[in-house]
Protein backbone atom coordinates (compact mmCIF):
# COMPACT_ATOMS: atom_id res chain seq x y z
CA MET A 1 -50.08 -15.05 -20.97
CA ARG A 2 -52.75 -16.76 -18.92
CA GLN A 3 -54.04 -14.72 -15.99
CA PRO A 4 -54.93 -16.37 -12.65
CA GLU A 5 -58.44 -17.84 -12.67
CA PHE A 6 -60.50 -18.33 -9.52
CA ASP A 7 -61.88 -21.75 -10.49
CA ALA A 8 -58.61 -23.14 -11.85
CA ASP A 9 -56.12 -21.58 -9.40
CA GLY A 10 -58.18 -20.97 -6.26
CA TRP A 11 -57.53 -17.23 -6.53
CA CYS A 12 -57.64 -14.38 -9.02
CA LEU A 13 -57.07 -10.65 -9.19
CA GLU A 14 -59.79 -8.04 -8.97
CA ASP A 15 -60.07 -5.25 -11.52
CA GLY A 16 -59.20 -1.98 -9.75
CA GLU A 17 -60.44 0.10 -12.68
CA GLN A 18 -63.87 -1.52 -12.43
CA ARG A 19 -64.01 -0.85 -8.70
CA THR A 20 -63.22 2.81 -9.34
CA ARG A 21 -66.00 3.03 -11.95
CA GLU A 22 -68.45 1.45 -9.50
CA HIS A 23 -67.40 3.59 -6.51
CA PRO A 24 -65.66 6.72 -7.84
CA ASP A 25 -66.07 8.69 -4.61
CA LYS A 26 -64.72 5.88 -2.37
CA PHE A 27 -62.15 4.00 -4.41
CA GLU A 28 -59.27 5.79 -6.09
CA ILE A 29 -56.39 4.26 -8.00
CA PRO A 30 -53.27 5.84 -9.54
CA GLU A 31 -53.51 7.32 -13.02
CA LEU A 32 -53.12 4.82 -15.86
CA ALA A 33 -49.91 6.53 -17.03
CA LEU A 34 -48.26 5.65 -13.69
CA ARG A 35 -49.66 2.12 -13.62
CA GLU A 36 -48.18 1.45 -17.06
CA ILE A 37 -44.57 2.51 -16.39
CA LEU A 38 -43.56 0.38 -13.41
CA GLU A 39 -40.03 -1.01 -13.49
CA PRO A 40 -38.46 -4.10 -11.89
CA GLY A 41 -38.27 -3.55 -8.14
CA ASP A 42 -41.27 -1.19 -8.01
CA LEU A 43 -44.23 -2.26 -5.88
CA ALA A 44 -47.86 -2.68 -6.93
CA LYS A 45 -50.77 -3.29 -4.58
CA LEU A 46 -53.39 -5.69 -5.96
CA ILE A 47 -56.69 -7.08 -4.67
CA PHE A 48 -56.71 -10.88 -4.51
CA ARG A 49 -59.91 -12.92 -4.40
CA ILE A 50 -59.00 -16.18 -2.66
CA ALA A 51 -60.99 -19.39 -2.16
CA VAL A 52 -61.20 -20.29 1.53
CA ASP A 53 -62.47 -23.35 3.35
CA ASP A 54 -65.57 -21.77 4.87
CA GLU A 55 -69.00 -22.71 3.51
CA ASN A 56 -70.54 -19.48 4.88
CA GLU A 57 -67.94 -17.27 3.17
CA PRO A 58 -66.16 -19.33 0.49
CA GLU A 59 -63.99 -16.45 -0.71
CA ALA A 60 -61.87 -13.77 0.90
CA PHE A 61 -60.42 -10.54 -0.45
CA GLU A 62 -56.95 -9.34 0.46
CA ARG A 63 -54.96 -6.32 -0.64
CA MET A 64 -51.35 -7.36 -1.01
CA TRP A 65 -48.12 -5.93 -2.40
CA VAL A 66 -46.35 -7.46 -5.37
CA ILE A 67 -42.79 -6.64 -6.45
CA VAL A 68 -42.51 -6.07 -10.19
CA ARG A 69 -40.04 -8.56 -11.70
CA ALA A 70 -40.45 -7.70 -15.37
CA ARG A 71 -42.63 -6.08 -17.96
CA ILE A 72 -44.32 -8.66 -20.18
CA PRO A 73 -46.70 -8.28 -23.13
CA GLY A 74 -49.92 -6.87 -21.72
CA GLY A 75 -48.62 -6.20 -18.21
CA TYR A 76 -46.16 -7.39 -15.63
CA MET A 77 -44.71 -10.43 -13.94
CA GLY A 78 -44.45 -9.95 -10.21
CA LEU A 79 -43.47 -11.65 -6.97
CA LEU A 80 -45.94 -11.66 -4.07
CA ASP A 81 -44.41 -9.71 -1.16
CA ASN A 82 -47.10 -10.47 1.44
CA GLU A 83 -48.38 -13.52 3.26
CA PRO A 84 -52.16 -13.87 2.96
CA SER A 85 -53.85 -13.69 6.35
CA LYS A 86 -57.04 -15.50 5.32
CA ILE A 87 -55.40 -18.82 4.39
CA ASP A 88 -52.78 -21.15 5.86
CA GLU A 89 -49.26 -21.18 4.47
CA ASN A 90 -49.15 -23.08 1.20
CA ASP A 91 -47.10 -23.52 -1.97
CA GLU A 92 -49.70 -22.03 -4.33
CA LEU A 93 -50.13 -18.47 -3.04
CA TRP A 94 -47.63 -17.22 -0.49
CA ARG A 95 -44.77 -14.71 -0.24
CA GLY A 96 -42.44 -15.40 -3.16
CA THR A 97 -45.11 -16.71 -5.57
CA GLU A 98 -44.65 -15.41 -9.10
CA LEU A 99 -47.77 -14.06 -10.83
CA PRO A 100 -48.80 -12.06 -13.87
CA PHE A 101 -50.90 -8.93 -13.56
CA GLN A 102 -52.07 -5.99 -15.63
CA ALA A 103 -52.26 -2.24 -15.08
CA LYS A 104 -56.03 -2.56 -14.46
CA HIS A 105 -55.31 -4.66 -11.35
CA ILE A 106 -53.07 -2.05 -9.67
CA ILE A 107 -54.76 -0.09 -6.89
CA ALA A 108 -51.58 1.54 -5.49
CA ALA A 109 -47.94 1.78 -6.55
CA GLU A 110 -44.63 2.73 -4.95
CA HIS A 111 -41.17 3.27 -6.33
CA GLY A 112 -38.77 0.50 -5.46
CA ASN A 113 -35.54 0.74 -3.52
CA ALA A 114 -32.31 -1.27 -3.44
CA GLU A 115 -33.92 -4.02 -1.34
CA SER A 116 -37.00 -4.45 -3.55
CA ARG A 117 -34.86 -4.43 -6.72
CA SER A 118 -32.73 -7.17 -5.17
CA LEU A 119 -35.82 -9.20 -4.20
CA ALA A 120 -37.17 -8.87 -7.76
CA ARG A 121 -34.14 -10.82 -9.01
CA LEU A 122 -34.49 -13.74 -6.57
CA PRO A 123 -35.83 -17.10 -7.75
CA ALA A 124 -39.57 -17.44 -7.24
CA ARG A 125 -40.89 -19.75 -4.55
CA ARG A 126 -43.33 -20.93 -7.20
CA SER A 127 -42.98 -19.91 -10.85
CA TRP A 128 -45.98 -19.00 -12.96
CA SER A 129 -46.37 -21.36 -15.90
């Protein structure tokens, strides 16, 4: 499945594993075994790189939670559970947007609860194609 691309989509996901390799004493992520066993309704925190309308700083980075909707080949399909603070409300990247991600993108994880499992089953505001 196609992953988000900065140039094509206006945003992409940062590689948490790479950040840990670059800054092992400052940037920790959960063990790979945990990042690979998330279930629908569990939460994953990802780092988004987002294009913004500012010629001095044309991109912003935001850490946001995603609710796991399903396991897919090579990773997960999730539903954004935050509203980006660096951009105005839009239909492309906002709470309820469906997006694919991989274990390497996960920088934190939490077990889901009844509410997050229910949210994982809701229709997406915007489906990933």
